[in-house]
Amino acid sequence: MSESVRTGKAKGKVAAFDRTSLTLEMQKKGQAVRANYVIDVGTKTKGNVEVGAEVEVKYREVLGTFFSTSIEVKKPPQTGKAGK
């Protein structure tokens, strides 16, 4: 049996993040959905990844598990310092 490997990319907002995983919240057909990505030594990051940041994740899917190959911050999180 051969191992099924797919690649892809996703854009969304970081809902949770630590050194081994990232949870991304995305909008699909008007509904918020979340996906989890494994972070390992091969994951490249560009920018300061933190909760609330808008990011693009490139990944490979192996047997239903998403392994991030790169995470790029597109927009840092809102700080709440906008004019009142």
Protein backbone atom coordinates (compact mmCIF):
# COMPACT_ATOMS: atom_id res chain seq x y z
CA MET A 1 0.00 0.00 0.00
CA SER A 2 1.44 3.38 -0.97
CA GLU A 3 1.35 6.35 1.38
CA SER A 4 -1.00 9.12 0.24
CA VAL A 5 0.62 12.59 0.44
CA ARG A 6 -1.10 15.78 -0.67
CA THR A 7 0.06 19.37 -0.44
CA GLY A 8 -1.87 22.59 -0.17
CA LYS A 9 -2.15 25.98 1.49
CA ALA A 10 -4.64 27.69 3.75
CA LYS A 11 -5.18 31.25 4.93
CA GLY A 12 -6.81 32.31 8.15
CA LYS A 13 -6.42 33.65 11.67
CA VAL A 14 -4.29 31.91 14.30
CA ALA A 15 -6.66 30.64 17.01
CA ALA A 16 -3.99 28.78 19.02
CA PHE A 17 -0.23 28.35 18.67
CA ASP A 18 2.61 26.63 20.49
CA ARG A 19 5.94 25.12 19.51
CA THR A 20 4.39 21.88 18.18
CA SER A 21 1.03 22.90 16.69
CA LEU A 22 -1.02 25.68 15.15
CA THR A 23 -4.82 25.97 15.01
CA LEU A 24 -6.06 28.07 12.12
CA GLU A 25 -9.56 29.56 11.96
CA MET A 26 -10.89 30.07 8.43
CA GLN A 27 -14.18 31.06 6.80
CA LYS A 28 -15.75 28.48 4.50
CA LYS A 29 -19.16 29.24 3.01
CA GLY A 30 -19.78 31.82 5.73
CA GLN A 31 -18.98 29.38 8.55
CA ALA A 32 -15.96 29.51 10.83
CA VAL A 33 -13.97 26.27 10.66
CA ARG A 34 -10.77 25.29 12.42
CA ALA A 35 -7.90 23.12 11.26
CA ASN A 36 -4.87 21.88 13.18
CA TYR A 37 -1.35 21.77 11.75
CA VAL A 38 1.69 20.01 13.19
CA ILE A 39 4.81 22.16 13.56
CA ASP A 40 8.12 20.31 13.38
CA VAL A 41 11.81 21.06 12.78
CA GLY A 42 11.17 21.33 9.04
CA THR A 43 8.55 24.10 9.39
CA LYS A 44 9.80 27.48 8.14
CA THR A 45 8.26 30.63 9.61
CA LYS A 46 8.23 34.18 8.26
CA GLY A 47 7.14 36.86 10.70
CA ASN A 48 6.03 36.71 14.33
CA VAL A 49 3.40 33.97 14.58
CA GLU A 50 0.98 34.68 17.43
CA VAL A 51 -2.70 34.27 18.27
CA GLY A 52 -4.83 36.65 16.21
CA ALA A 53 -2.33 37.02 13.35
CA GLU A 54 -3.53 36.44 9.76
CA VAL A 55 -1.27 33.77 8.25
CA GLU A 56 -0.82 31.55 5.23
CA VAL A 57 0.12 27.95 5.98
CA LYS A 58 1.62 25.67 3.37
CA TYR A 59 1.27 22.04 4.35
CA ARG A 60 1.53 18.42 3.40
CA GLU A 61 -1.18 15.97 4.38
CA VAL A 62 -0.07 12.46 5.30
CA LEU A 63 -2.73 9.93 6.28
CA GLY A 64 -5.12 12.66 7.41
CA THR A 65 -2.58 14.67 9.44
CA PHE A 66 -1.59 18.17 8.28
CA PHE A 67 2.14 18.95 8.66
CA SER A 68 3.02 22.63 8.15
CA THR A 69 5.95 23.21 5.82
CA SER A 70 5.82 27.00 6.10
CA ILE A 71 3.89 29.64 8.03
CA GLU A 72 3.93 33.23 6.78
CA VAL A 73 2.38 36.10 8.73
CA LYS A 74 0.30 38.24 6.38
CA LYS A 75 -1.11 40.64 9.00
CA PRO A 76 -0.21 40.94 12.69
CA PRO A 77 -3.03 40.75 15.27
CA GLN A 78 -5.09 43.84 16.07
CA THR A 79 -3.76 45.56 19.17
CA GLY A 80 -6.93 47.47 20.04
CA LYS A 81 -5.07 50.79 19.86
CA ALA A 82 -7.15 52.14 16.96
CA GLY A 83 -8.65 55.60 17.48
CA LYS A 84 -11.56 55.73 19.89
